Amino acid sequence: MRNHKVDKPGLDMGVVDLGGLGHLVVKFAKAFSLKVTTIGTTPSKRGDAINVLGADGFLLSHDDEQMKAAIGTFDAIIDMLAVVHPIAPVLDLLRSQGKLLLLEAPSQSLELPPIPLLSGQ
């Protein structure tokens, strides 16, 4: 997080996948005084994210209304999902010049659309 300059207090951080490494990312982000929202597919992880780890919010990735409401709200997103998943909706959540950090990646290629990268720099 420090290497990519996403450790400044007040930044909005999204965390995709609340697995073992995701728990640590949330803890570190909160220690840096970031606003943290976990992004996941399992509604049951909402309680752990907010009540146990101290995340500020939870975004259900397959809820279109929640995803639309969050477009352009994150300064950075750390994605640790090790299975093939759509990356375009995650990119849409970033502000202009936001940073997407991939800590894990599937063995197959991710489909990475160029337009969100160009428009968001």
C-alpha atoms as a PDB file:
ATOM      1  CA  MET A   1       0.000   0.000   0.000  1.00  0.00           C
ATOM      2  CA  ARG A   2       2.820   2.393   0.786  1.00  0.00           C
ATOM      3  CA  ASN A   3       4.671   1.450  -2.393  1.00  0.00           C
ATOM      4  CA  HIS A   4       1.652   2.549  -4.465  1.00  0.00           C
ATOM      5  CA  LYS A   5       0.935   5.614  -2.284  1.00  0.00           C
ATOM      6  CA  VAL A   6      -2.483   4.412  -1.163  1.00  0.00           C
ATOM      7  CA  ASP A   7      -1.742   4.725   2.536  1.00  0.00           C
ATOM      8  CA  LYS A   8      -2.823   8.339   3.060  1.00  0.00           C
ATOM      9  CA  PRO A   9      -5.511   8.970   5.706  1.00  0.00           C
ATOM     10  CA  GLY A  10      -8.931   9.655   4.271  1.00  0.00           C
ATOM     11  CA  LEU A  11      -8.504   7.753   0.989  1.00  0.00           C
ATOM     12  CA  ASP A  12     -11.389   5.485  -0.036  1.00  0.00           C
ATOM     13  CA  MET A  13     -10.167   1.905  -0.459  1.00  0.00           C
ATOM     14  CA  GLY A  14     -12.109  -1.008  -1.894  1.00  0.00           C
ATOM     15  CA  VAL A  15     -11.068  -4.553  -0.996  1.00  0.00           C
ATOM     16  CA  VAL A  16     -12.199  -7.341  -3.316  1.00  0.00           C
ATOM     17  CA  ASP A  17     -12.391 -10.761  -1.642  1.00  0.00           C
ATOM     18  CA  LEU A  18     -12.415 -11.055   2.092  1.00  0.00           C
ATOM     19  CA  GLY A  19     -10.338 -14.206   2.333  1.00  0.00           C
ATOM     20  CA  GLY A  20      -7.225 -14.625   4.489  1.00  0.00           C
ATOM     21  CA  LEU A  21      -5.208 -11.930   2.747  1.00  0.00           C
ATOM     22  CA  GLY A  22      -8.270  -9.679   2.489  1.00  0.00           C
ATOM     23  CA  HIS A  23      -8.589  -9.666   6.266  1.00  0.00           C
ATOM     24  CA  LEU A  24      -5.034  -8.343   6.544  1.00  0.00           C
ATOM     25  CA  VAL A  25      -5.588  -5.692   3.886  1.00  0.00           C
ATOM     26  CA  VAL A  26      -8.653  -4.378   5.739  1.00  0.00           C
ATOM     27  CA  LYS A  27      -6.691  -4.260   9.013  1.00  0.00           C
ATOM     28  CA  PHE A  28      -3.746  -2.425   7.406  1.00  0.00           C
ATOM     29  CA  ALA A  29      -6.032   0.001   5.556  1.00  0.00           C
ATOM     30  CA  LYS A  30      -7.863   0.852   8.776  1.00  0.00           C
ATOM     31  CA  ALA A  31      -4.505   1.302  10.548  1.00  0.00           C
ATOM     32  CA  PHE A  32      -3.613   3.866   7.839  1.00  0.00           C
ATOM     33  CA  SER A  33      -6.956   5.629   8.589  1.00  0.00           C
ATOM     34  CA  LEU A  34      -8.454   4.809   5.197  1.00  0.00           C
ATOM     35  CA  LYS A  35     -12.170   4.501   4.562  1.00  0.00           C
ATOM     36  CA  VAL A  36     -12.538   0.806   3.681  1.00  0.00           C
ATOM     37  CA  THR A  37     -15.321  -0.925   1.796  1.00  0.00           C
ATOM     38  CA  THR A  38     -15.157  -4.643   1.173  1.00  0.00           C
ATOM     39  CA  ILE A  39     -16.533  -5.902  -2.140  1.00  0.00           C
ATOM     40  CA  GLY A  40     -17.777  -9.468  -2.253  1.00  0.00           C
ATOM     41  CA  THR A  41     -20.264 -11.971  -3.571  1.00  0.00           C
ATOM     42  CA  THR A  42     -21.355 -13.444  -0.244  1.00  0.00           C
ATOM     43  CA  PRO A  43     -23.760 -11.311   1.828  1.00  0.00           C
ATOM     44  CA  SER A  44     -22.898 -13.298   4.955  1.00  0.00           C
ATOM     45  CA  LYS A  45     -19.382 -11.761   4.966  1.00  0.00           C
ATOM     46  CA  ARG A  46     -20.854  -8.297   5.559  1.00  0.00           C
ATOM     47  CA  GLY A  47     -21.017  -8.840   9.327  1.00  0.00           C
ATOM     48  CA  ASP A  48     -17.406 -10.005   9.561  1.00  0.00           C
ATOM     49  CA  ALA A  49     -16.189  -7.161   7.384  1.00  0.00           C
ATOM     50  CA  ILE A  50     -17.896  -4.431   9.392  1.00  0.00           C
ATOM     51  CA  ASN A  51     -18.260  -5.816  12.919  1.00  0.00           C
ATOM     52  CA  VAL A  52     -15.100  -7.902  13.245  1.00  0.00           C
ATOM     53  CA  LEU A  53     -12.563  -6.217  10.940  1.00  0.00           C
ATOM     54  CA  GLY A  54     -13.819  -2.652  11.191  1.00  0.00           C
ATOM     55  CA  ALA A  55     -14.602  -2.009   7.515  1.00  0.00           C
ATOM     56  CA  ASP A  56     -16.758   1.035   6.894  1.00  0.00           C
ATOM     57  CA  GLY A  57     -18.990  -0.658   4.359  1.00  0.00           C
ATOM     58  CA  PHE A  58     -19.773  -3.729   2.295  1.00  0.00           C
ATOM     59  CA  LEU A  59     -20.653  -3.782  -1.388  1.00  0.00           C
ATOM     60  CA  LEU A  60     -22.384  -6.813  -2.882  1.00  0.00           C
ATOM     61  CA  SER A  61     -20.747  -7.205  -6.289  1.00  0.00           C
ATOM     62  CA  HIS A  62     -23.736  -8.802  -7.998  1.00  0.00           C
ATOM     63  CA  ASP A  63     -26.199  -6.156  -6.775  1.00  0.00           C
ATOM     64  CA  ASP A  64     -26.507  -3.801  -9.757  1.00  0.00           C
ATOM     65  CA  GLU A  65     -27.977  -0.957  -7.699  1.00  0.00           C
ATOM     66  CA  GLN A  66     -25.177  -1.047  -5.137  1.00  0.00           C
ATOM     67  CA  MET A  67     -22.534  -1.220  -7.865  1.00  0.00           C
ATOM     68  CA  LYS A  68     -24.065   1.698  -9.807  1.00  0.00           C
ATOM     69  CA  ALA A  69     -24.256   3.795  -6.655  1.00  0.00           C
ATOM     70  CA  ALA A  70     -20.551   3.186  -6.012  1.00  0.00           C
ATOM     71  CA  ILE A  71     -19.257   4.123  -9.489  1.00  0.00           C
ATOM     72  CA  GLY A  72     -16.302   6.499  -9.233  1.00  0.00           C
ATOM     73  CA  THR A  73     -16.076   6.432  -5.444  1.00  0.00           C
ATOM     74  CA  PHE A  74     -12.768   4.651  -4.710  1.00  0.00           C
ATOM     75  CA  ASP A  75      -9.257   6.061  -4.805  1.00  0.00           C
ATOM     76  CA  ALA A  76      -7.847   2.539  -4.883  1.00  0.00           C
ATOM     77  CA  ILE A  77      -9.053  -1.031  -5.004  1.00  0.00           C
ATOM     78  CA  ILE A  78      -7.035  -4.047  -3.953  1.00  0.00           C
ATOM     79  CA  ASP A  79      -8.278  -7.162  -5.739  1.00  0.00           C
ATOM     80  CA  MET A  80      -7.273 -10.538  -4.322  1.00  0.00           C
ATOM     81  CA  LEU A  81      -9.773 -12.740  -6.126  1.00  0.00           C
ATOM     82  CA  ALA A  82      -7.844 -15.685  -7.552  1.00  0.00           C
ATOM     83  CA  VAL A  83     -10.598 -16.845  -9.913  1.00  0.00           C
ATOM     84  CA  VAL A  84     -11.632 -15.404 -13.271  1.00  0.00           C
ATOM     85  CA  HIS A  85     -14.038 -12.537 -12.664  1.00  0.00           C
ATOM     86  CA  PRO A  86     -15.237  -9.493 -14.585  1.00  0.00           C
ATOM     87  CA  ILE A  87     -12.757  -6.693 -14.016  1.00  0.00           C
ATOM     88  CA  ALA A  88     -14.693  -3.930 -15.839  1.00  0.00           C
ATOM     89  CA  PRO A  89     -17.218  -3.428 -13.003  1.00  0.00           C
ATOM     90  CA  VAL A  90     -14.322  -3.106 -10.561  1.00  0.00           C
ATOM     91  CA  LEU A  91     -12.615  -0.507 -12.774  1.00  0.00           C
ATOM     92  CA  ASP A  92     -15.862   1.484 -12.911  1.00  0.00           C
ATOM     93  CA  LEU A  93     -15.708   1.898  -9.134  1.00  0.00           C
ATOM     94  CA  LEU A  94     -12.446   3.851  -9.323  1.00  0.00           C
ATOM     95  CA  ARG A  95     -12.211   7.628  -9.407  1.00  0.00           C
ATOM     96  CA  SER A  96     -10.190   9.250 -12.165  1.00  0.00           C
ATOM     97  CA  GLN A  97      -6.543   8.296 -11.661  1.00  0.00           C
ATOM     98  CA  GLY A  98      -7.579   5.622  -9.162  1.00  0.00           C
ATOM     99  CA  LYS A  99      -5.378   2.592  -8.676  1.00  0.00           C
ATOM    100  CA  LEU A 100      -6.285  -1.059  -9.113  1.00  0.00           C
ATOM    101  CA  LEU A 101      -3.825  -3.346  -7.330  1.00  0.00           C
ATOM    102  CA  LEU A 102      -4.002  -7.046  -8.167  1.00  0.00           C
ATOM    103  CA  LEU A 103      -2.457  -9.140  -5.389  1.00  0.00           C
ATOM    104  CA  GLU A 104      -3.664 -12.464  -6.688  1.00  0.00           C
ATOM    105  CA  ALA A 105      -4.631 -13.468 -10.185  1.00  0.00           C
ATOM    106  CA  PRO A 106      -6.286 -16.477 -11.775  1.00  0.00           C
ATOM    107  CA  SER A 107      -4.244 -18.787 -13.947  1.00  0.00           C
ATOM    108  CA  GLN A 108      -6.404 -17.774 -16.921  1.00  0.00           C
ATOM    109  CA  SER A 109      -6.362 -14.316 -18.487  1.00  0.00           C
ATOM    110  CA  LEU A 110      -8.620 -11.583 -17.201  1.00  0.00           C
ATOM    111  CA  GLU A 111     -10.615  -9.620 -19.754  1.00  0.00           C
ATOM    112  CA  LEU A 112      -9.355  -6.073 -19.390  1.00  0.00           C
ATOM    113  CA  PRO A 113     -11.320  -3.473 -21.374  1.00  0.00           C
ATOM    114  CA  PRO A 114      -9.155  -0.519 -22.512  1.00  0.00           C
ATOM    115  CA  ILE A 115     -11.767   2.281 -22.419  1.00  0.00           C
ATOM    116  CA  PRO A 116     -12.076   2.495 -18.598  1.00  0.00           C
ATOM    117  CA  LEU A 117      -8.284   2.518 -18.362  1.00  0.00           C
ATOM    118  CA  LEU A 118      -7.960   5.349 -20.861  1.00  0.00           C
ATOM    119  CA  SER A 119     -10.812   7.455 -19.504  1.00  0.00           C
ATOM    120  CA  GLY A 120      -9.732   7.036 -15.885  1.00  0.00           C
ATOM    121  CA  GLN A 121      -6.021   7.354 -16.652  1.00  0.00           C
END
